[in-house]
Each structure stands twice: as structure tokens, then as C-alpha cells.
Amino acid sequence: MAKSKKVFVCNDCGTMHPKWVGKCSGCGSWNTIVEEVISGGKPEVLERYDSSKMSSTPVKLSDIEMGEMKRVGTGDSEFDRVLGGGVVPGSIVLLGGEPGIGKSTLLLKVAFSGAFKNRVLYVSGEESAEQIKMRASRMGLTERDGWILPETRLDSIIKSANKLKPGLLVIDSIQTVTSSYLESAAGTVSQVRECASALQQYAKSKGIPVILVGHITKEGAIAGPKVLEHIVDTVLNFEGDRNYMYRILRTQKNRFGSTDELGIYEMNSTGLEPVENPSKFMLRQSEDELSGSTIAAAIEGIRPLLIETQALVSPAIYGNPQRSPTGFDLRRLSMLLAVLEKKGGHQFATRDVFLNLAGGIKIIDPAMDLSVAAALLSSLEDIPVPENICFCGEIGLSGEIRAVARIEQRIQEAARLGFKYMYYSRYNNVKAIKREHELELIPIGKVDELYVQLFV
């Protein structure tokens, strides 16, 4: 047997170094190099998937026949939507998210509520079988006949999977699984990479879908080397504020579908429930007209959302004014304040600005700019904006209101929810849109026109 050897591996990118260094030459990160011991033996579990035993021959592109891609529904409409219609047999999915956000709750429901409810193997390296039973009891899944396996050894996991032949394999989480080939601790770069590769070979050779749970770093990236995200077919990110009831499932990578889909869940006492009409829950809940509150017609993925934008502008008590957004980009907010002050003549330099998107979700749609600007001006003047008005438009550095994409979907969503007026960019072509609603469209070209239209 070959001797063991020591290597120094970067925790962020997986680059190997012959000796310890302070800065990784691969990704440039500081203090991410750790020492790992690699055994010289070949892992028993990987011998079954030795590539030398597999044969393949080149095929002409014109001779390849395309068949219909089979998908298996999970019974969760939002999860199936994000995946592109369901789970593809033989695929491997990576689900990441902050601790306590609800990853295990989501996968327990997906595994035991859909087509896999009696043919699933749920492997947990972080919880005992009794703990999983308690969660399943709270979610009403105690009558399901799937299998639970509290295990962290890779060879035992694959041995059990070969014996049971499940329709779905869930690993919670990949950072707890260890291979007997490596002497390093669980969660290290080499362990995560080795175990993920073995599970990928298992999924492809057996045609069984595998879902992995991945931890994330304090920066919000999935822990482990970047190669982990390249190994899997789909990367999902489960995010949200634990102080709010809403959770968002986003797609970062999908080899079998679009990455524009978005799933929204509501956390309650019985687990996670899909939200079919998120706009209804994210609009203002007060019947009184309050200053600093506006409605934005945004697009997340391919789904239109109407979201309440709340702003508070007050005199700065201390020397440096505060800029504190929640759910909105800080740099974008600073840019909007500069445009409003330069092009509109409104004074924000000596005032604290607080911005919040209702529901605790994060929106990156540039069309939020017009709603944010209207909310800031409303709070600055302490004049409420009527609740039957919504906004969509991107603000440029010159103060112009730029056109946004998918204006027709935004208009239809606003009309469906009963809004009477929508302020939008005059550069959007809305003449071709069928006017089967009573929504009045008000075009705006510059920021100063917004102030005149609303408050003069």
C-alpha cells in the first residue's frame, strides 16, 4: 500500500499547495490553507464505479436521437417549478442555505410527500432518527414508509442504497459524510470533494436522483471547493430572514432547465407551505395611507411580484447620516439618493435614510428604482402616496427613467390585484399590449417629473 502524504488545501477553492502559505495562489484568499492527510489506498466504495470498467464509443452528433426528458414530480409545486418540472432521474442536486433556514424541513417534505414517499432513503449525519421522527410528526408525515438512516460513512451509505434501491437519496448534509480513503476530518475540502464525486457516480450509474444539503460560509457561498458546484447538476439556494415567515428558493445552476425560476414558501407551525400568490401577502397591510410607502411591480425569475417598499427619512442626529436598507442593495440606494439630490434638488445629505422591503425578501430587479424613489420622496415630504398606484422603472445616473423588461407581465399582475394607476418609463413600448383592464398607464421620462406628478 502506498504511503500517506500531507497536502495543504485551500478551503475556498480547493487548490493544493506543497507547503503552508498565508495567501492562496488560486483564489487570493487569506488564511484559508489547511493541512490534510491523504491515504495511499484506494477507497473500497469507489471500486464499483471505476471508470476503467466502463466502455463508451464516440457517436456522431447527427446520429444522436433526442428522447423526452423524464421528470418525477415531488408533490411540491414550488420545488418542481424551480427544478424545471420535477426531478430528473440520475441527477444530483445541491441545496444550500443558512443554518436554521429550513433546508431539512423542506427536503423532508419533498422526500416523503411526493412520488417518492415510500421509496426514499433519507440519510442524516446531523440528527438522530428520533429527531427526524419528531419533525415528521409535526409535519404530518408519520404514516410514510420511507427509510431513515443516521450515518456519516460513505461506504455504509452506498451499501444501504444498493440494498434498498430507493427512488430518491437525500444526504443531509454532505459536510458530515466521510470516506475511508481519506484521513482528514469531515467537512474538509478533500472529504467533500471525494464524497460528492462518489455520490455523483452512484447517481449516474443507477439512475437514482440524489439531493445533497450543503453548508454555507459566512459570506453566503456554499462551503467547500468550487468544484462541488461543478460536480452537481443543479444548485439551489434557500434564503430568507428567520425573523420573517417567507423563504425563497432560487436556482444558481440547472443543467436540465432554466435558472430564472423562483419558489416562495411560508414557514408555519406545520412546516413550509408553497405560496401560490406571493403578491397578495407582500402588499401593505394597513388601511391607513402612510407616507413613505409605495408599491413596486417587480420581476423575480419569471414571476411578477408586487412588493411594498417602505422608506423613512429623518434628520441625522449624529454627524454621519445613516444609510440602512433591508432587502435592497446599499450601493443602489446610495446611487438613487445622489440622483435625487443632483437632478431633483432634494436634500438627503443631512438625513438618515432607512429602507425596507416588506416580507423580508431580497429583490435585485432594477425596476424597483422608481418605487424606491417615490417612497423616499413621500417620506421626505411626509405626504402619502395613494394605495392604488404602483411603480416600475429603472433610474439612470442622468435622472432618466429607463425602460424595463417584461412590462406586460407587470401590468397584468397590477391589474389583476386591482391597482388603478401605474407609473412607468415612457421609453417602454406599451402600445402593443392588449388593454383588457382598467389600469391607467402614466409615462415618466425624468426623476423631477415623478415629484411633480405625485406631490405638486
Foldseek 3Di string as FASTA:
>chain_A
DDAKDKWKAFFEAGDIDRDDDQADPPPGDGPRIDMFIFGPDDFPLCVVLPCVPDDDDDDDPVPDDDDDFDFFAQQAPQVCQQQPRHHGFLAEEEEEEAPPLAPVLVVVCSCCPGPQNQFEEEEAQPDDPVVVCVLCVLQVRNPTNHHYHHDAELSVQVVVCVVSVGQEYEYHALQRHATPRTPGHRNGQVGSVVSLQSVSSVRNVSRHYYYHYFYADPVGHTTYHPVSVVSGQWYWYWDFDPVFFKIKIFTPHHNPHDRLRIWMWGQDRNGTHTDPAVQVVAADPDPDFWALWAWEFFGRRNATHIWIKGKAKAFDPDDFAAQAEQLEDSVLVVLLVVQCCPVVVDDRRRIHMYMYIGRGHHDDGQQCSLRNLRSHVRNSVRHGFDHLEYEGFHADSNFFTDAGPPVLNSVVVSQVVPRAEYEHAPPDDCPPHDPPGNHHYDHDTGNNVSCVVTPD
